[in-house]
Amino acid sequence: AADSAEATAASGAAAGAPRPGDMLTADEMQRAESLALQSTAVQGVVGAATDRDAALQAATRGGADAADALSALSDRPTYRVIYTQRYPDKDGAGRSAEVAVYRYDTGQTAYSKVDLSTGAVEAIEMPADLPVPIVPEEIEEAAAIARADEAVRAKLTAAGLDPDAASANALLTVASDPDAACGRHRCLRLFFGSLRNPVPAFDVVVDMVALAVVETTDMPGEGLNP
């Protein structure tokens, strides 16, 4: 009976263990990010910058609203983990993760491969002009900044939208002038809407380094909502 119980436990443990081709578990992602951030390859980019996600979480736990928490980080050196995903090993063996870390004030991205078996971290070379994908947290931050701007709130109200409830989506935007705010910094172009008013009446550009509204522009589709 004891042998049977041990065999069942071993079988259950094996069944629960991730296989080489499985997606990363939450624990594996957390470990990969920790190892990457401690590595020489990533520290060369991150340096003494602040973890934006951790700083915002601490501020909001302390009672600050999103706009105030973001304002406190304006123009400060910050970074965030953009994504952590399974590294596509060619032979399909082992468990490795690819971690991308973006630093806002310098516009640098560190890509690294983390071997989850050994803990080894190595830099991954990527094209210098490879776009860094938007993460949901950035849209939430840009929307909070826009909603705190009185001119944006007035335009939302005029468009028939509740400034505090309108949903937001975003695209990356880059200015043609390299000296402009969005030529130097990462910027998001926000579009607000609702089920009742799905066509955006205007867009809002937010500088994700200065954490401030850059401009608003009326959309050609204004007036198309029912």
Protein backbone atom coordinates (compact mmCIF):
# COMPACT_ATOMS: atom_id res chain seq x y z
CA ALA A 1 0.00 0.00 0.00
CA ALA A 2 2.87 2.35 0.85
CA ASP A 3 4.54 1.60 -2.50
CA SER A 4 1.25 2.31 -4.26
CA ALA A 5 0.84 5.65 -2.46
CA GLU A 6 4.40 6.68 -3.33
CA ALA A 7 3.88 5.74 -6.96
CA THR A 8 0.66 7.76 -7.09
CA ALA A 9 2.37 10.80 -5.54
CA ALA A 10 5.29 10.55 -7.96
CA SER A 11 2.90 10.23 -10.89
CA GLY A 12 0.94 13.29 -9.72
CA ALA A 13 4.11 15.35 -9.33
CA ALA A 14 5.28 14.36 -12.80
CA ALA A 15 1.88 15.19 -14.27
CA GLY A 16 1.93 18.61 -12.61
CA ALA A 17 5.46 19.49 -13.73
CA PRO A 18 5.62 21.67 -16.87
CA ARG A 19 6.89 19.91 -19.98
CA PRO A 20 9.46 21.55 -22.30
CA GLY A 21 6.83 22.77 -24.77
CA ASP A 22 4.34 24.07 -22.17
CA MET A 23 3.73 27.76 -21.57
CA LEU A 24 5.57 29.26 -18.61
CA THR A 25 3.91 28.99 -15.22
CA ALA A 26 3.42 32.09 -13.06
CA ASP A 27 6.25 30.93 -10.77
CA GLU A 28 8.57 30.42 -13.74
CA MET A 29 7.77 33.88 -15.11
CA GLN A 30 8.47 35.49 -11.74
CA ARG A 31 11.76 33.61 -11.39
CA ALA A 32 12.81 34.45 -14.95
CA GLU A 33 12.14 38.16 -14.40
CA SER A 34 14.05 38.17 -11.11
CA LEU A 35 17.05 36.42 -12.66
CA ALA A 36 17.01 38.71 -15.70
CA LEU A 37 16.84 41.90 -13.63
CA GLN A 38 19.80 40.77 -11.52
CA SER A 39 21.92 39.90 -14.56
CA THR A 40 24.76 41.99 -15.93
CA ALA A 41 23.08 42.09 -19.34
CA VAL A 42 19.94 43.78 -18.03
CA GLN A 43 21.60 45.84 -15.30
CA GLY A 44 23.59 47.55 -18.03
CA VAL A 45 20.31 49.04 -19.27
CA VAL A 46 18.30 49.33 -16.05
CA GLY A 47 21.07 50.71 -13.83
CA ALA A 48 19.67 52.77 -10.95
CA ALA A 49 16.27 53.31 -12.59
CA THR A 50 13.05 52.65 -10.64
CA ASP A 51 10.72 49.73 -11.35
CA ARG A 52 7.66 51.66 -12.57
CA ASP A 53 5.15 48.91 -11.78
CA ALA A 54 6.46 48.44 -8.23
CA ALA A 55 6.56 52.20 -7.57
CA LEU A 56 2.98 52.74 -8.78
CA GLN A 57 1.67 49.78 -6.80
CA ALA A 58 3.35 51.08 -3.63
CA ALA A 59 1.97 54.59 -4.18
CA THR A 60 -1.61 53.44 -4.77
CA ARG A 61 -1.44 51.11 -1.75
CA GLY A 62 -0.42 54.18 0.22
CA GLY A 63 -3.60 55.98 -0.82
CA ALA A 64 -2.44 58.01 -3.85
CA ASP A 65 -4.70 58.06 -6.89
CA ALA A 66 -3.31 56.96 -10.25
CA ALA A 67 -2.72 60.48 -11.61
CA ASP A 68 -0.83 61.62 -8.50
CA ALA A 69 1.24 58.43 -8.42
CA LEU A 70 2.20 58.94 -12.07
CA SER A 71 2.97 62.62 -11.54
CA ALA A 72 5.52 61.65 -8.88
CA LEU A 73 7.36 59.56 -11.50
CA SER A 74 7.40 62.28 -14.17
CA ASP A 75 10.80 62.46 -15.90
CA ARG A 76 12.33 60.03 -13.38
CA PRO A 77 14.40 57.13 -14.73
CA THR A 78 12.00 54.17 -14.74
CA TYR A 79 11.76 50.76 -16.37
CA ARG A 80 9.29 47.90 -16.61
CA VAL A 81 9.22 44.30 -17.74
CA ILE A 82 7.34 44.42 -21.05
CA TYR A 83 6.91 40.68 -21.44
CA THR A 84 8.13 37.30 -20.26
CA GLN A 85 7.46 34.36 -22.55
CA ARG A 86 8.77 30.89 -23.26
CA TYR A 87 11.96 30.98 -25.29
CA PRO A 88 11.52 28.88 -28.44
CA ASP A 89 14.36 26.38 -28.06
CA LYS A 90 15.01 24.75 -31.42
CA ASP A 91 15.33 21.25 -29.99
CA GLY A 92 12.27 21.69 -27.76
CA ALA A 93 14.21 20.51 -24.72
CA GLY A 94 14.64 22.35 -21.44
CA ARG A 95 12.76 25.29 -19.98
CA SER A 96 13.91 28.78 -20.96
CA ALA A 97 12.27 32.20 -20.91
CA GLU A 98 12.68 35.35 -22.98
CA VAL A 99 12.41 38.55 -20.94
CA ALA A 100 12.12 42.06 -22.39
CA VAL A 101 12.80 45.05 -20.13
CA TYR A 102 12.24 48.64 -21.34
CA ARG A 103 13.77 51.76 -19.79
CA TYR A 104 11.63 54.83 -20.47
CA ASP A 105 14.04 57.74 -20.07
CA THR A 106 16.70 56.28 -22.39
CA GLY A 107 14.41 54.32 -24.73
CA GLN A 108 16.60 51.23 -24.34
CA THR A 109 15.30 47.67 -24.33
CA ALA A 110 17.17 44.69 -22.88
CA TYR A 111 16.20 41.28 -24.25
CA SER A 112 17.53 38.24 -22.45
CA LYS A 113 17.24 34.46 -22.42
CA VAL A 114 16.91 32.86 -19.00
CA ASP A 115 17.66 29.15 -18.57
CA LEU A 116 15.23 28.11 -15.85
CA SER A 117 17.18 24.93 -15.12
CA THR A 118 20.56 26.54 -14.48
CA GLY A 119 19.60 30.18 -13.81
CA ALA A 120 21.99 31.34 -16.54
CA VAL A 121 21.09 34.60 -18.31
CA GLU A 122 22.39 35.69 -21.70
CA ALA A 123 21.63 38.76 -23.79
CA ILE A 124 19.61 38.37 -27.00
CA GLU A 125 20.51 40.61 -29.92
CA MET A 126 17.48 42.25 -31.52
CA PRO A 127 17.20 44.83 -34.36
CA ALA A 128 17.74 48.34 -32.98
CA ASP A 129 14.50 49.62 -34.54
CA LEU A 130 12.32 46.74 -33.30
CA PRO A 131 9.12 48.32 -31.88
CA VAL A 132 8.48 47.65 -28.20
CA PRO A 133 4.88 46.44 -27.85
CA ILE A 134 2.35 48.35 -25.77
CA VAL A 135 1.33 46.66 -22.53
CA PRO A 136 -2.11 47.15 -20.90
CA GLU A 137 -0.55 48.98 -17.95
CA GLU A 138 0.68 51.70 -20.31
CA ILE A 139 -2.80 52.28 -21.72
CA GLU A 140 -4.17 52.52 -18.17
CA GLU A 141 -1.44 55.01 -17.22
CA ALA A 142 -1.91 57.15 -20.34
CA ALA A 143 -5.68 57.17 -19.79
CA ALA A 144 -5.23 58.26 -16.15
CA ILE A 145 -2.97 61.11 -17.27
CA ALA A 146 -5.46 62.17 -19.95
CA ARG A 147 -8.44 62.02 -17.57
CA ALA A 148 -6.61 64.29 -15.12
CA ASP A 149 -6.22 66.97 -17.83
CA GLU A 150 -9.07 69.50 -17.68
CA ALA A 151 -9.01 70.17 -21.44
CA VAL A 152 -9.30 66.45 -22.17
CA ARG A 153 -12.12 66.05 -19.66
CA ALA A 154 -13.99 68.91 -21.34
CA LYS A 155 -13.59 67.27 -24.76
CA LEU A 156 -14.77 63.91 -23.40
CA THR A 157 -17.86 65.53 -21.92
CA ALA A 158 -18.54 67.41 -25.16
CA ALA A 159 -18.29 64.09 -27.04
CA GLY A 160 -20.98 62.60 -24.81
CA LEU A 161 -18.55 60.46 -22.83
CA ASP A 162 -18.14 60.09 -19.08
CA PRO A 163 -14.53 61.22 -18.45
CA ASP A 164 -14.11 58.68 -15.66
CA ALA A 165 -15.73 55.73 -17.41
CA ALA A 166 -14.94 56.01 -21.13
CA SER A 167 -12.83 53.11 -22.36
CA ALA A 168 -9.45 53.80 -23.93
CA ASN A 169 -7.32 52.14 -26.57
CA ALA A 170 -3.95 53.21 -27.89
CA LEU A 171 -1.32 53.07 -30.60
CA LEU A 172 2.35 53.93 -30.46
CA THR A 173 3.07 57.24 -32.17
CA VAL A 174 6.39 58.71 -33.27
CA ALA A 175 6.93 62.32 -34.36
CA SER A 176 8.75 62.96 -37.63
CA ASP A 177 10.77 65.67 -35.86
CA PRO A 178 13.43 63.90 -33.74
CA ASP A 179 13.57 66.91 -31.40
CA ALA A 180 9.83 66.86 -30.66
CA ALA A 181 8.54 65.26 -27.47
CA CYS A 182 7.41 62.15 -29.33
CA GLY A 183 10.59 62.07 -31.37
CA ARG A 184 12.63 61.77 -28.17
CA HIS A 185 10.23 59.84 -25.94
CA ARG A 186 7.85 56.89 -26.10
CA CYS A 187 4.34 58.26 -26.76
CA LEU A 188 0.89 56.72 -26.94
CA ARG A 189 -2.00 58.04 -29.02
CA LEU A 190 -5.21 57.40 -27.08
CA PHE A 191 -8.72 56.96 -28.43
CA PHE A 192 -11.70 57.14 -26.08
CA GLY A 193 -15.12 55.65 -26.73
CA SER A 194 -18.07 53.73 -25.34
CA LEU A 195 -20.64 51.24 -26.59
CA ARG A 196 -23.00 54.14 -27.26
CA ASN A 197 -20.31 56.33 -28.85
CA PRO A 198 -17.79 53.93 -30.42
CA VAL A 199 -16.28 56.36 -32.97
CA PRO A 200 -13.60 58.55 -31.33
CA ALA A 201 -14.27 62.28 -31.62
CA PHE A 202 -10.61 63.13 -30.94
CA ASP A 203 -7.32 61.55 -29.95
CA VAL A 204 -4.90 62.37 -27.15
CA VAL A 205 -1.13 61.97 -27.34
CA VAL A 206 0.57 61.19 -24.02
CA ASP A 207 4.32 61.32 -23.38
CA MET A 208 5.14 58.18 -21.36
CA VAL A 209 8.40 59.65 -20.03
CA ALA A 210 7.20 63.11 -18.99
CA LEU A 211 3.85 61.45 -18.15
CA ALA A 212 1.96 64.41 -19.57
CA VAL A 213 -0.50 65.21 -22.35
CA VAL A 214 1.30 66.41 -25.48
CA GLU A 215 -1.67 67.32 -27.69
CA THR A 216 -5.26 66.56 -28.63
CA THR A 217 -6.52 66.37 -32.22
CA ASP A 218 -10.11 66.27 -33.48
CA MET A 219 -10.90 63.20 -35.57
CA PRO A 220 -12.44 63.24 -39.09
CA GLY A 221 -15.10 60.82 -37.86
CA GLU A 222 -16.50 63.28 -35.33
CA GLY A 223 -20.28 63.28 -35.50
CA LEU A 224 -20.59 59.70 -36.82
CA ASN A 225 -21.87 58.37 -33.49
CA PRO A 226 -25.64 57.91 -33.17
